[in-house]
Protein backbone atom coordinates (compact mmCIF):
# COMPACT_ATOMS: atom_id res chain seq x y z
CA MET A 1 10.64 5.51 -1.01
CA THR A 2 13.13 7.73 0.66
CA PRO A 3 14.01 7.09 4.32
CA LYS A 4 11.93 10.14 5.26
CA GLN A 5 8.93 8.86 3.30
CA LEU A 6 9.28 5.44 4.97
CA ARG A 7 9.27 7.03 8.42
CA GLU A 8 6.16 8.98 7.49
CA LEU A 9 4.42 5.88 6.14
CA ARG A 10 5.28 3.81 9.20
CA SER A 11 3.96 6.54 11.50
CA ARG A 12 0.55 6.52 9.82
CA GLN A 13 -2.20 4.58 11.53
CA VAL A 14 -3.84 1.88 9.53
CA THR A 15 -7.43 2.75 8.78
CA ASP A 16 -10.32 0.34 8.42
CA THR A 17 -8.94 -0.56 4.97
CA GLY A 18 -6.36 -2.75 6.73
CA ASN A 19 -3.51 -1.27 4.71
CA ARG A 20 -1.48 1.89 4.15
CA LEU A 21 -1.80 2.07 0.37
CA ALA A 22 -3.64 5.40 0.32
CA ALA A 23 -0.95 6.88 2.57
CA ALA A 24 1.79 5.47 0.34
CA PHE A 25 0.27 7.07 -2.76
CA GLU A 26 -0.08 10.37 -0.91
CA ILE A 27 3.40 10.39 0.61
CA THR A 28 5.21 9.40 -2.58
CA GLU A 29 3.00 11.56 -4.79
CA ARG A 30 2.71 8.62 -7.16
CA SER A 31 -0.57 7.97 -8.91
CA GLN A 32 -2.71 4.90 -9.12
CA ALA A 33 -2.37 5.18 -12.90
CA ALA A 34 1.42 4.87 -12.55
CA CYS A 35 0.92 1.79 -10.41
CA VAL A 36 -1.25 0.25 -13.12
CA ARG A 37 1.34 1.04 -15.80
CA GLU A 38 4.24 -0.38 -13.78
CA THR A 39 2.56 -3.48 -12.37
CA LYS A 40 0.32 -6.30 -13.51
CA PHE A 41 -2.69 -4.75 -11.76
CA THR A 42 -5.82 -3.31 -13.28
CA ALA A 43 -7.06 0.15 -12.35
CA GLN A 44 -10.09 -1.39 -10.66
CA TYR A 45 -7.94 -3.70 -8.51
CA VAL A 46 -5.65 -0.88 -7.36
CA SER A 47 -8.62 1.32 -6.53
CA ASP A 48 -10.35 -1.51 -4.67
CA MET A 49 -7.22 -2.25 -2.63
CA VAL A 50 -6.75 1.42 -1.71
CA ARG A 51 -10.38 1.63 -0.59
CA GLY A 52 -10.07 -1.59 1.42
CA ARG A 53 -12.59 -3.53 -0.59
CA PHE A 54 -10.43 -6.63 -0.18
CA GLN A 55 -9.12 -7.42 3.27
CA ASN A 56 -6.84 -10.21 2.01
CA ILE A 57 -4.06 -10.00 -0.53
CA SER A 58 -1.90 -12.67 -2.12
CA LEU A 59 1.77 -12.69 -1.26
CA ASP A 60 2.65 -12.08 -4.92
CA ASN A 61 0.43 -9.01 -5.09
CA ALA A 62 1.75 -7.68 -1.77
CA HIS A 63 5.29 -8.04 -3.16
CA GLU A 64 4.25 -6.20 -6.32
CA PHE A 65 2.86 -3.23 -4.36
CA ALA A 66 5.98 -3.17 -2.15
CA ARG A 67 8.23 -3.23 -5.22
CA PHE A 68 6.26 -0.39 -6.79
CA PHE A 69 6.68 1.78 -3.69
CA GLY A 70 10.20 0.62 -2.83
CA CYS A 71 9.37 -0.59 0.65
CA GLN A 72 8.68 -3.77 2.59
CA ILE A 73 5.36 -5.60 2.50
CA GLU A 74 4.93 -4.95 6.22
CA ASP A 75 5.10 -1.20 5.62
CA LEU A 76 1.99 -1.38 3.45
CA PHE A 77 0.20 -4.33 5.00
CA PRO A 78 1.00 -4.48 8.73
CA ALA A 79 0.00 -7.43 10.86
CA ARG A 80 -3.62 -7.27 11.96
CA SER A 81 -2.52 -6.67 15.56
CA GLU A 82 -0.75 -3.47 14.39
CA ALA A 83 -3.74 -2.42 12.32
CA VAL A 84 -6.10 -2.34 15.29
CA ALA A 85 -5.93 1.10 16.82
């Protein structure tokens, strides 16, 4: 992510999904299909995470999403206290 994209991502409120994955895909204009190609994830898992089907994520998977987007884990998965709006 560029510095501008990071600022945009960090300014987004966390929805009831508990993460900012949908915002990250939107801001970077990267596709879920690209994420599947460049990570160990399945299409179903990426889609489920974006939709907030899973409220918990392993540290390894959080690192993988952060690596894909070029940001910190906390940018995508803020502490629960930050997620409550």
